PDB file of all heavy atoms in Angstrom:
ATOM      1  N   LEU A   1    -131.933   9.575  90.061  1.00  0.00           N
ATOM      2  CA  LEU A   1    -132.110  10.984  89.747  1.00  0.00           C
ATOM      3  C   LEU A   1    -130.772  11.570  89.297  1.00  0.00           C
ATOM      4  O   LEU A   1    -129.725  11.245  89.863  1.00  0.00           O
ATOM      5  CB  LEU A   1    -132.641  11.751  90.963  1.00  0.00           C
ATOM      6  CG  LEU A   1    -133.900  11.182  91.620  1.00  0.00           C
ATOM      7  CD1 LEU A   1    -134.296  12.024  92.822  1.00  0.00           C
ATOM      8  CD2 LEU A   1    -135.047  11.098  90.619  1.00  0.00           C
ATOM      9  N   ALA A   2    -130.810  12.438  88.300  1.00  0.00           N
ATOM     10  CA  ALA A   2    -129.589  13.040  87.761  1.00  0.00           C
ATOM     11  C   ALA A   2    -129.643  14.553  87.955  1.00  0.00           C
ATOM     12  O   ALA A   2    -130.662  15.188  87.659  1.00  0.00           O
ATOM     13  CB  ALA A   2    -129.435  12.710  86.276  1.00  0.00           C
ATOM     14  N   PHE A   3    -128.545  15.124  88.455  1.00  0.00           N
ATOM     15  CA  PHE A   3    -128.480  16.552  88.757  1.00  0.00           C
ATOM     16  C   PHE A   3    -127.248  17.198  88.127  1.00  0.00           C
ATOM     17  O   PHE A   3    -126.203  16.572  87.977  1.00  0.00           O
ATOM     18  CB  PHE A   3    -128.401  16.785  90.272  1.00  0.00           C
ATOM     19  CG  PHE A   3    -129.609  16.341  91.047  1.00  0.00           C
ATOM     20  CD1 PHE A   3    -129.666  15.064  91.573  1.00  0.00           C
ATOM     21  CD2 PHE A   3    -130.673  17.197  91.249  1.00  0.00           C
ATOM     22  CE1 PHE A   3    -130.773  14.641  92.294  1.00  0.00           C
ATOM     23  CE2 PHE A   3    -131.778  16.794  91.970  1.00  0.00           C
ATOM     24  CZ  PHE A   3    -131.836  15.501  92.500  1.00  0.00           C
ATOM     25  N   LEU A   4    -127.395  18.481  87.805  1.00  0.00           N
ATOM     26  CA  LEU A   4    -126.264  19.363  87.549  1.00  0.00           C
ATOM     27  C   LEU A   4    -126.454  20.553  88.481  1.00  0.00           C
ATOM     28  O   LEU A   4    -127.480  20.686  89.133  1.00  0.00           O
ATOM     29  CB  LEU A   4    -126.204  19.780  86.083  1.00  0.00           C
ATOM     30  CG  LEU A   4    -127.432  20.445  85.444  1.00  0.00           C
ATOM     31  CD1 LEU A   4    -127.460  21.947  85.737  1.00  0.00           C
ATOM     32  CD2 LEU A   4    -127.450  20.189  83.958  1.00  0.00           C
ATOM     33  N   SER A   5    -125.440  21.393  88.575  1.00  0.00           N
ATOM     34  CA  SER A   5    -125.561  22.503  89.521  1.00  0.00           C
ATOM     35  C   SER A   5    -124.836  23.743  89.053  1.00  0.00           C
ATOM     36  O   SER A   5    -123.967  23.679  88.181  1.00  0.00           O
ATOM     37  CB  SER A   5    -125.020  22.101  90.898  1.00  0.00           C
ATOM     38  OG  SER A   5    -123.615  22.068  90.875  1.00  0.00           O
ATOM     39  N   THR A   6    -125.206  24.865  89.660  1.00  0.00           N
ATOM     40  CA  THR A   6    -124.480  26.116  89.459  1.00  0.00           C
ATOM     41  C   THR A   6    -123.979  26.612  90.804  1.00  0.00           C
ATOM     42  O   THR A   6    -124.597  26.346  91.840  1.00  0.00           O
ATOM     43  CB  THR A   6    -125.359  27.200  88.817  1.00  0.00           C
ATOM     44  OG1 THR A   6    -126.475  27.476  89.679  1.00  0.00           O
ATOM     45  CG2 THR A   6    -125.856  26.770  87.444  1.00  0.00           C
ATOM     46  N   THR A   7    -122.880  27.317  90.791  1.00  0.00           N
ATOM     47  CA  THR A   7    -122.323  27.941  91.977  1.00  0.00           C
ATOM     48  C   THR A   7    -122.367  29.453  91.791  1.00  0.00           C
ATOM     49  O   THR A   7    -121.838  29.966  90.800  1.00  0.00           O
ATOM     50  CB  THR A   7    -120.871  27.496  92.208  1.00  0.00           C
ATOM     51  OG1 THR A   7    -120.840  26.076  92.364  1.00  0.00           O
ATOM     52  CG2 THR A   7    -120.281  28.161  93.444  1.00  0.00           C
ATOM     53  N   SER A   8    -122.997  30.152  92.711  1.00  0.00           N
ATOM     54  CA  SER A   8    -123.123  31.609  92.615  1.00  0.00           C
ATOM     55  C   SER A   8    -122.493  32.271  93.833  1.00  0.00           C
ATOM     56  O   SER A   8    -122.590  31.751  94.950  1.00  0.00           O
ATOM     57  CB  SER A   8    -124.595  32.027  92.521  1.00  0.00           C
ATOM     58  OG  SER A   8    -125.223  31.431  91.408  1.00  0.00           O
ATOM     59  N   VAL A   9    -121.840  33.400  93.606  1.00  0.00           N
ATOM     60  CA  VAL A   9    -121.244  34.174  94.692  1.00  0.00           C
ATOM     61  C   VAL A   9    -121.685  35.625  94.547  1.00  0.00           C
ATOM     62  O   VAL A   9    -122.155  36.047  93.490  1.00  0.00           O
ATOM     63  CB  VAL A   9    -119.706  34.088  94.679  1.00  0.00           C
ATOM     64  CG1 VAL A   9    -119.247  32.657  94.901  1.00  0.00           C
ATOM     65  CG2 VAL A   9    -119.140  34.635  93.375  1.00  0.00           C
ATOM     66  N   PHE A  10    -121.533  36.387  95.618  1.00  0.00           N
ATOM     67  CA  PHE A  10    -121.836  37.810  95.559  1.00  0.00           C
ATOM     68  C   PHE A  10    -120.745  38.512  94.759  1.00  0.00           C
ATOM     69  O   PHE A  10    -119.548  38.286  94.978  1.00  0.00           O
ATOM     70  CB  PHE A  10    -121.970  38.392  96.964  1.00  0.00           C
ATOM     71  CG  PHE A  10    -123.234  37.951  97.652  1.00  0.00           C
ATOM     72  CD1 PHE A  10    -123.257  36.803  98.428  1.00  0.00           C
ATOM     73  CD2 PHE A  10    -124.407  38.662  97.492  1.00  0.00           C
ATOM     74  CE1 PHE A  10    -124.420  36.374  99.043  1.00  0.00           C
ATOM     75  CE2 PHE A  10    -125.574  38.247  98.095  1.00  0.00           C
ATOM     76  CZ  PHE A  10    -125.584  37.098  98.875  1.00  0.00           C
ATOM     77  N   GLY A  11    -121.163  39.365  93.845  1.00  0.00           N
ATOM     78  CA  GLY A  11    -120.243  39.887  92.841  1.00  0.00           C
ATOM     79  C   GLY A  11    -119.303  40.979  93.286  1.00  0.00           C
ATOM     80  O   GLY A  11    -118.251  41.160  92.682  1.00  0.00           O
ATOM     81  N   THR A  12    -119.639  41.747  94.331  1.00  0.00           N
ATOM     82  CA  THR A  12    -118.794  42.885  94.719  1.00  0.00           C
ATOM     83  C   THR A  12    -118.550  42.906  96.224  1.00  0.00           C
ATOM     84  O   THR A  12    -118.809  43.913  96.894  1.00  0.00           O
ATOM     85  CB  THR A  12    -119.446  44.207  94.286  1.00  0.00           C
ATOM     86  OG1 THR A  12    -120.791  44.272  94.831  1.00  0.00           O
ATOM     87  CG2 THR A  12    -119.511  44.326  92.776  1.00  0.00           C
ATOM     88  N   PRO A  13    -118.061  41.823  96.812  1.00  0.00           N
ATOM     89  CA  PRO A  13    -117.919  41.789  98.270  1.00  0.00           C
ATOM     90  C   PRO A  13    -116.736  42.619  98.762  1.00  0.00           C
ATOM     91  O   PRO A  13    -115.674  42.630  98.151  1.00  0.00           O
ATOM     92  CB  PRO A  13    -117.690  40.312  98.558  1.00  0.00           C
ATOM     93  CG  PRO A  13    -117.004  39.805  97.332  1.00  0.00           C
ATOM     94  CD  PRO A  13    -117.612  40.576  96.185  1.00  0.00           C
ATOM     95  N   VAL A  14    -116.939  43.319  99.872  1.00  0.00           N
ATOM     96  CA  VAL A  14    -115.847  43.999 100.568  1.00  0.00           C
ATOM     97  C   VAL A  14    -115.857  43.597 102.043  1.00  0.00           C
ATOM     98  O   VAL A  14    -115.252  44.271 102.878  1.00  0.00           O
ATOM     99  CB  VAL A  14    -115.947  45.538 100.421  1.00  0.00           C
ATOM    100  CG1 VAL A  14    -115.610  45.964  99.007  1.00  0.00           C
ATOM    101  CG2 VAL A  14    -117.325  46.047 100.820  1.00  0.00           C
ATOM    102  N   ASP A  15    -116.561  42.526 102.351  1.00  0.00           N
ATOM    103  CA  ASP A  15    -116.612  41.949 103.688  1.00  0.00           C
ATOM    104  C   ASP A  15    -116.171  40.494 103.573  1.00  0.00           C
ATOM    105  O   ASP A  15    -116.570  39.788 102.641  1.00  0.00           O
ATOM    106  CB  ASP A  15    -118.035  42.034 104.257  1.00  0.00           C
ATOM    107  CG  ASP A  15    -118.150  41.462 105.660  1.00  0.00           C
ATOM    108  OD1 ASP A  15    -118.237  40.220 105.792  1.00  0.00           O
ATOM    109  OD2 ASP A  15    -118.162  42.247 106.623  1.00  0.00           O
ATOM    110  N   VAL A  16    -115.339  40.042 104.509  1.00  0.00           N
ATOM    111  CA  VAL A  16    -114.786  38.690 104.436  1.00  0.00           C
ATOM    112  C   VAL A  16    -115.888  37.637 104.438  1.00  0.00           C
ATOM    113  O   VAL A  16    -115.879  36.699 103.633  1.00  0.00           O
ATOM    114  CB  VAL A  16    -113.809  38.441 105.603  1.00  0.00           C
ATOM    115  CG1 VAL A  16    -113.355  36.989 105.641  1.00  0.00           C
ATOM    116  CG2 VAL A  16    -112.606  39.373 105.495  1.00  0.00           C
ATOM    117  N   THR A  17    -116.859  37.793 105.320  1.00  0.00           N
ATOM    118  CA  THR A  17    -117.936  36.807 105.420  1.00  0.00           C
ATOM    119  C   THR A  17    -118.713  36.702 104.120  1.00  0.00           C
ATOM    120  O   THR A  17    -118.997  35.597 103.627  1.00  0.00           O
ATOM    121  CB  THR A  17    -118.885  37.163 106.572  1.00  0.00           C
ATOM    122  OG1 THR A  17    -118.139  37.250 107.794  1.00  0.00           O
ATOM    123  CG2 THR A  17    -119.976  36.121 106.727  1.00  0.00           C
ATOM    124  N   VAL A  18    -119.050  37.829 103.541  1.00  0.00           N
ATOM    125  CA  VAL A  18    -119.820  37.832 102.290  1.00  0.00           C
ATOM    126  C   VAL A  18    -119.003  37.225 101.155  1.00  0.00           C
ATOM    127  O   VAL A  18    -119.519  36.455 100.328  1.00  0.00           O
ATOM    128  CB  VAL A  18    -120.267  39.261 101.929  1.00  0.00           C
ATOM    129  CG1 VAL A  18    -121.015  39.279 100.598  1.00  0.00           C
ATOM    130  CG2 VAL A  18    -121.150  39.835 103.035  1.00  0.00           C
ATOM    131  N   ALA A  19    -117.714  37.555 101.115  1.00  0.00           N
ATOM    132  CA  ALA A  19    -116.858  37.037 100.048  1.00  0.00           C
ATOM    133  C   ALA A  19    -116.739  35.525 100.086  1.00  0.00           C
ATOM    134  O   ALA A  19    -116.467  34.892  99.066  1.00  0.00           O
ATOM    135  CB  ALA A  19    -115.468  37.669 100.148  1.00  0.00           C
ATOM    136  N   GLU A  20    -116.950  34.929 101.270  1.00  0.00           N
ATOM    137  CA  GLU A  20    -116.753  33.494 101.426  1.00  0.00           C
ATOM    138  C   GLU A  20    -118.041  32.689 101.350  1.00  0.00           C
ATOM    139  O   GLU A  20    -118.028  31.465 101.543  1.00  0.00           O
ATOM    140  CB  GLU A  20    -116.035  33.222 102.757  1.00  0.00           C
ATOM    141  CG  GLU A  20    -114.622  33.794 102.769  1.00  0.00           C
ATOM    142  CD  GLU A  20    -113.923  33.667 104.110  1.00  0.00           C
ATOM    143  OE1 GLU A  20    -114.612  33.372 105.113  1.00  0.00           O
ATOM    144  OE2 GLU A  20    -112.691  33.866 104.158  1.00  0.00           O
ATOM    145  N   LEU A  21    -119.161  33.336 101.057  1.00  0.00           N
ATOM    146  CA  LEU A  21    -120.430  32.629 100.895  1.00  0.00           C
ATOM    147  C   LEU A  21    -120.612  32.197  99.445  1.00  0.00           C
ATOM    148  O   LEU A  21    -120.210  32.905  98.519  1.00  0.00           O
ATOM    149  CB  LEU A  21    -121.607  33.519 101.299  1.00  0.00           C
ATOM    150  CG  LEU A  21    -121.714  33.888 102.780  1.00  0.00           C
ATOM    151  CD1 LEU A  21    -122.862  34.879 102.984  1.00  0.00           C
ATOM    152  CD2 LEU A  21    -121.932  32.644 103.647  1.00  0.00           C
ATOM    153  N   ALA A  22    -121.225  31.048  99.246  1.00  0.00           N
ATOM    154  CA  ALA A  22    -121.529  30.570  97.898  1.00  0.00           C
ATOM    155  C   ALA A  22    -122.861  29.831  97.915  1.00  0.00           C
ATOM    156  O   ALA A  22    -123.165  29.100  98.867  1.00  0.00           O
ATOM    157  CB  ALA A  22    -120.428  29.656  97.384  1.00  0.00           C
ATOM    158  N   LEU A  23    -123.648  30.045  96.881  1.00  0.00           N
ATOM    159  CA  LEU A  23    -124.953  29.399  96.746  1.00  0.00           C
ATOM    160  C   LEU A  23    -124.852  28.282  95.718  1.00  0.00           C
ATOM    161  O   LEU A  23    -124.499  28.530  94.563  1.00  0.00           O
ATOM    162  CB  LEU A  23    -126.006  30.415  96.311  1.00  0.00           C
ATOM    163  CG  LEU A  23    -127.447  29.914  96.255  1.00  0.00           C
ATOM    164  CD1 LEU A  23    -128.007  29.700  97.659  1.00  0.00           C
ATOM    165  CD2 LEU A  23    -128.322  30.903  95.500  1.00  0.00           C
ATOM    166  N   GLU A  24    -125.137  27.059  96.148  1.00  0.00           N
ATOM    167  CA  GLU A  24    -125.135  25.893  95.268  1.00  0.00           C
ATOM    168  C   GLU A  24    -126.581  25.561  94.912  1.00  0.00           C
ATOM    169  O   GLU A  24    -127.388  25.272  95.792  1.00  0.00           O
ATOM    170  CB  GLU A  24    -124.486  24.697  95.956  1.00  0.00           C
ATOM    171  CG  GLU A  24    -123.017  24.872  96.290  1.00  0.00           C
ATOM    172  CD  GLU A  24    -122.127  24.747  95.072  1.00  0.00           C
ATOM    173  OE1 GLU A  24    -122.594  24.238  94.041  1.00  0.00           O
ATOM    174  OE2 GLU A  24    -120.957  25.166  95.159  1.00  0.00           O
ATOM    175  N   SER A  25    -126.906  25.593  93.643  1.00  0.00           N
ATOM    176  CA  SER A  25    -128.271  25.344  93.187  1.00  0.00           C
ATOM    177  C   SER A  25    -128.285  24.096  92.309  1.00  0.00           C
ATOM    178  O   SER A  25    -127.593  24.032  91.293  1.00  0.00           O
ATOM    179  CB  SER A  25    -128.793  26.543  92.392  1.00  0.00           C
ATOM    180  OG  SER A  25    -128.743  27.722  93.166  1.00  0.00           O
ATOM    181  N   PHE A  26    -129.069  23.114  92.702  1.00  0.00           N
ATOM    182  CA  PHE A  26    -129.177  21.858  91.967  1.00  0.00           C
ATOM    183  C   PHE A  26    -130.322  21.934  90.958  1.00  0.00           C
ATOM    184  O   PHE A  26    -131.415  22.395  91.290  1.00  0.00           O
ATOM    185  CB  PHE A  26    -129.445  20.698  92.919  1.00  0.00           C
ATOM    186  CG  PHE A  26    -128.314  20.389  93.857  1.00  0.00           C
ATOM    187  CD1 PHE A  26    -128.052  21.215  94.944  1.00  0.00           C
ATOM    188  CD2 PHE A  26    -127.534  19.277  93.671  1.00  0.00           C
ATOM    189  CE1 PHE A  26    -127.028  20.929  95.810  1.00  0.00           C
ATOM    190  CE2 PHE A  26    -126.500  18.973  94.531  1.00  0.00           C
ATOM    191  CZ  PHE A  26    -126.237  19.804  95.612  1.00  0.00           C
ATOM    192  N   PHE A  27    -130.078  21.449  89.761  1.00  0.00           N
ATOM    193  CA  PHE A  27    -131.092  21.410  88.706  1.00  0.00           C
ATOM    194  C   PHE A  27    -131.231  19.984  88.197  1.00  0.00           C
ATOM    195  O   PHE A  27    -130.248  19.234  88.154  1.00  0.00           O
ATOM    196  CB  PHE A  27    -130.690  22.315  87.536  1.00  0.00           C
ATOM    197  CG  PHE A  27    -130.688  23.776  87.856  1.00  0.00           C
ATOM    198  CD1 PHE A  27    -129.564  24.370  88.426  1.00  0.00           C
ATOM    199  CD2 PHE A  27    -131.793  24.573  87.591  1.00  0.00           C
ATOM    200  CE1 PHE A  27    -129.554  25.726  88.728  1.00  0.00           C
ATOM    201  CE2 PHE A  27    -131.784  25.924  87.883  1.00  0.00           C
ATOM    202  CZ  PHE A  27    -130.665  26.501  88.459  1.00  0.00           C
ATOM    203  N   PRO A  28    -132.437  19.599  87.784  1.00  0.00           N
ATOM    204  CA  PRO A  28    -132.579  18.269  87.172  1.00  0.00           C
ATOM    205  C   PRO A  28    -131.832  18.219  85.848  1.00  0.00           C
ATOM    206  O   PRO A  28    -131.885  19.148  85.052  1.00  0.00           O
ATOM    207  CB  PRO A  28    -134.095  18.136  86.967  1.00  0.00           C
ATOM    208  CG  PRO A  28    -134.602  19.538  86.935  1.00  0.00           C
ATOM    209  CD  PRO A  28    -133.713  20.334  87.837  1.00  0.00           C
ATOM    210  N   ALA A  29    -131.152  17.108  85.616  1.00  0.00           N
ATOM    211  CA  ALA A  29    -130.387  16.945  84.379  1.00  0.00           C
ATOM    212  C   ALA A  29    -131.190  16.246  83.292  1.00  0.00           C
ATOM    213  O   ALA A  29    -130.703  16.104  82.172  1.00  0.00           O
ATOM    214  CB  ALA A  29    -129.104  16.165  84.649  1.00  0.00           C
ATOM    215  N   ASP A  30    -132.409  15.819  83.634  1.00  0.00           N
ATOM    216  CA  ASP A  30    -133.260  15.202  82.612  1.00  0.00           C
ATOM    217  C   ASP A  30    -134.721  15.371  83.017  1.00  0.00           C
ATOM    218  O   ASP A  30    -135.032  15.769  84.157  1.00  0.00           O
ATOM    219  CB  ASP A  30    -132.916  13.721  82.408  1.00  0.00           C
ATOM    220  CG  ASP A  30    -132.950  12.912  83.699  1.00  0.00           C
ATOM    221  OD1 ASP A  30    -133.930  13.053  84.464  1.00  0.00           O
ATOM    222  OD2 ASP A  30    -132.018  12.132  83.945  1.00  0.00           O
ATOM    223  N   ASP A  31    -135.619  15.071  82.099  1.00  0.00           N
ATOM    224  CA  ASP A  31    -137.057  15.277  82.331  1.00  0.00           C
ATOM    225  C   ASP A  31    -137.592  14.354  83.419  1.00  0.00           C
ATOM    226  O   ASP A  31    -138.470  14.744  84.195  1.00  0.00           O
ATOM    227  CB  ASP A  31    -137.836  15.060  81.037  1.00  0.00           C
ATOM    228  CG  ASP A  31    -137.565  16.140  79.996  1.00  0.00           C
ATOM    229  OD1 ASP A  31    -137.095  17.229  80.394  1.00  0.00           O
ATOM    230  OD2 ASP A  31    -137.815  15.892  78.803  1.00  0.00           O
ATOM    231  N   ASP A  32    -137.088  13.126  83.491  1.00  0.00           N
ATOM    232  CA  ASP A  32    -137.570  12.201  84.509  1.00  0.00           C
ATOM    233  C   ASP A  32    -137.257  12.709  85.912  1.00  0.00           C
ATOM    234  O   ASP A  32    -138.076  12.603  86.830  1.00  0.00           O
ATOM    235  CB  ASP A  32    -136.939  10.819  84.309  1.00  0.00           C
ATOM    236  CG  ASP A  32    -137.524  10.080  83.112  1.00  0.00           C
ATOM    237  OD1 ASP A  32    -138.502  10.596  82.530  1.00  0.00           O
ATOM    238  OD2 ASP A  32    -136.996   9.006  82.770  1.00  0.00           O
ATOM    239  N   THR A  33    -136.053  13.257  86.084  1.00  0.00           N
ATOM    240  CA  THR A  33    -135.686  13.809  87.393  1.00  0.00           C
ATOM    241  C   THR A  33    -136.554  15.006  87.741  1.00  0.00           C
ATOM    242  O   THR A  33    -137.015  15.146  88.882  1.00  0.00           O
ATOM    243  CB  THR A  33    -134.202  14.206  87.405  1.00  0.00           C
ATOM    244  OG1 THR A  33    -133.397  13.044  87.170  1.00  0.00           O
ATOM    245  CG2 THR A  33    -133.803  14.823  88.739  1.00  0.00           C
ATOM    246  N   ALA A  34    -136.809  15.881  86.777  1.00  0.00           N
ATOM    247  CA  ALA A  34    -137.663  17.045  87.026  1.00  0.00           C
ATOM    248  C   ALA A  34    -139.054  16.612  87.466  1.00  0.00           C
ATOM    249  O   ALA A  34    -139.628  17.167  88.425  1.00  0.00           O
ATOM    250  CB  ALA A  34    -137.741  17.906  85.766  1.00  0.00           C
ATOM    251  N   ALA A  35    -139.606  15.604  86.777  1.00  0.00           N
ATOM    252  CA  ALA A  35    -140.933  15.126  87.129  1.00  0.00           C
ATOM    253  C   ALA A  35    -140.943  14.495  88.519  1.00  0.00           C
ATOM    254  O   ALA A  35    -141.869  14.699  89.315  1.00  0.00           O
ATOM    255  CB  ALA A  35    -141.413  14.127  86.085  1.00  0.00           C
ATOM    256  N   ALA A  36    -139.904  13.719  88.842  1.00  0.00           N
ATOM    257  CA  ALA A  36    -139.828  13.080  90.151  1.00  0.00           C
ATOM    258  C   ALA A  36    -139.735  14.117  91.269  1.00  0.00           C
ATOM    259  O   ALA A  36    -140.364  13.965  92.327  1.00  0.00           O
ATOM    260  CB  ALA A  36    -138.621  12.148  90.202  1.00  0.00           C
ATOM    261  N   LEU A  37    -138.974  15.184  91.056  1.00  0.00           N
ATOM    262  CA  LEU A  37    -138.849  16.226  92.077  1.00  0.00           C
ATOM    263  C   LEU A  37    -140.161  16.958  92.289  1.00  0.00           C
ATOM    264  O   LEU A  37    -140.513  17.321  93.411  1.00  0.00           O
ATOM    265  CB  LEU A  37    -137.737  17.201  91.683  1.00  0.00           C
ATOM    266  CG  LEU A  37    -136.317  16.622  91.697  1.00  0.00           C
ATOM    267  CD1 LEU A  37    -135.324  17.631  91.154  1.00  0.00           C
ATOM    268  CD2 LEU A  37    -135.926  16.189  93.102  1.00  0.00           C
ATOM    269  N   ARG A  38    -140.905  17.171  91.209  1.00  0.00           N
ATOM    270  CA  ARG A  38    -142.217  17.801  91.363  1.00  0.00           C
ATOM    271  C   ARG A  38    -143.158  16.898  92.156  1.00  0.00           C
ATOM    272  O   ARG A  38    -143.909  17.368  93.014  1.00  0.00           O
ATOM    273  CB  ARG A  38    -142.808  18.128  89.998  1.00  0.00           C
ATOM    274  CG  ARG A  38    -142.098  19.257  89.251  1.00  0.00           C
ATOM    275  CD  ARG A  38    -142.920  19.746  88.067  1.00  0.00           C
ATOM    276  NE  ARG A  38    -143.110  18.712  87.059  1.00  0.00           N
ATOM    277  CZ  ARG A  38    -142.296  18.517  86.020  1.00  0.00           C
ATOM    278  NH1 ARG A  38    -141.206  19.276  85.887  1.00  0.00           N
ATOM    279  NH2 ARG A  38    -142.538  17.569  85.137  1.00  0.00           N
ATOM    280  N   ARG A  39    -143.099  15.609  91.892  1.00  0.00           N
ATOM    281  CA  ARG A  39    -143.946  14.673  92.628  1.00  0.00           C
ATOM    282  C   ARG A  39    -143.560  14.624  94.100  1.00  0.00           C
ATOM    283  O   ARG A  39    -144.416  14.566  94.976  1.00  0.00           O
ATOM    284  CB  ARG A  39    -143.824  13.280  92.009  1.00  0.00           C
ATOM    285  CG  ARG A  39    -144.554  13.146  90.689  1.00  0.00           C
ATOM    286  CD  ARG A  39    -144.569  11.692  90.258  1.00  0.00           C
ATOM    287  NE  ARG A  39    -145.503  11.487  89.170  1.00  0.00           N
ATOM    288  CZ  ARG A  39    -145.859  10.312  88.719  1.00  0.00           C
ATOM    289  NH1 ARG A  39    -145.355   9.215  89.265  1.00  0.00           N
ATOM    290  NH2 ARG A  39    -146.723  10.196  87.722  1.00  0.00           N
ATOM    291  N   LEU A  40    -142.258  14.625  94.393  1.00  0.00           N
ATOM    292  CA  LEU A  40    -141.811  14.637  95.776  1.00  0.00           C
ATOM    293  C   LEU A  40    -142.303  15.882  96.507  1.00  0.00           C
ATOM    294  O   LEU A  40    -142.699  15.815  97.675  1.00  0.00           O
ATOM    295  CB  LEU A  40    -140.284  14.557  95.826  1.00  0.00           C
ATOM    296  CG  LEU A  40    -139.659  13.183  95.549  1.00  0.00           C
ATOM    297  CD1 LEU A  40    -138.162  13.309  95.350  1.00  0.00           C
ATOM    298  CD2 LEU A  40    -139.965  12.213  96.686  1.00  0.00           C
ATOM    299  N   ALA A  41    -142.260  17.014  95.826  1.00  0.00           N
ATOM    300  CA  ALA A  41    -142.730  18.259  96.437  1.00  0.00           C
ATOM    301  C   ALA A  41    -144.220  18.182  96.731  1.00  0.00           C
ATOM    302  O   ALA A  41    -144.684  18.604  97.799  1.00  0.00           O
ATOM    303  CB  ALA A  41    -142.418  19.440  95.523  1.00  0.00           C
ATOM    304  N   ARG A  42    -145.009  17.642  95.801  1.00  0.00           N
ATOM    305  CA  ARG A  42    -146.461  17.526  96.022  1.00  0.00           C
ATOM    306  C   ARG A  42    -146.756  16.561  97.163  1.00  0.00           C
ATOM    307  O   ARG A  42    -147.642  16.797  97.981  1.00  0.00           O
ATOM    308  CB  ARG A  42    -147.150  17.074  94.744  1.00  0.00           C
ATOM    309  CG  ARG A  42    -147.159  18.124  93.630  1.00  0.00           C
ATOM    310  CD  ARG A  42    -148.190  17.795  92.566  1.00  0.00           C
ATOM    311  NE  ARG A  42    -147.919  16.535  91.883  1.00  0.00           N
ATOM    312  CZ  ARG A  42    -147.213  16.442  90.768  1.00  0.00           C
ATOM    313  NH1 ARG A  42    -146.669  17.523  90.222  1.00  0.00           N
ATOM    314  NH2 ARG A  42    -147.021  15.260  90.193  1.00  0.00           N
TER     315      ARG A  42
END
């Protein structure tokens, strides 16, 4: 399986805890991986 990812943070933090959180989202890098992930979910 092949993956790429994005990293997202809160855009206007004024709290230390919020400023230090990050969301990592994995995406399939090809059609075969996307299909395999759908099958795993089912």
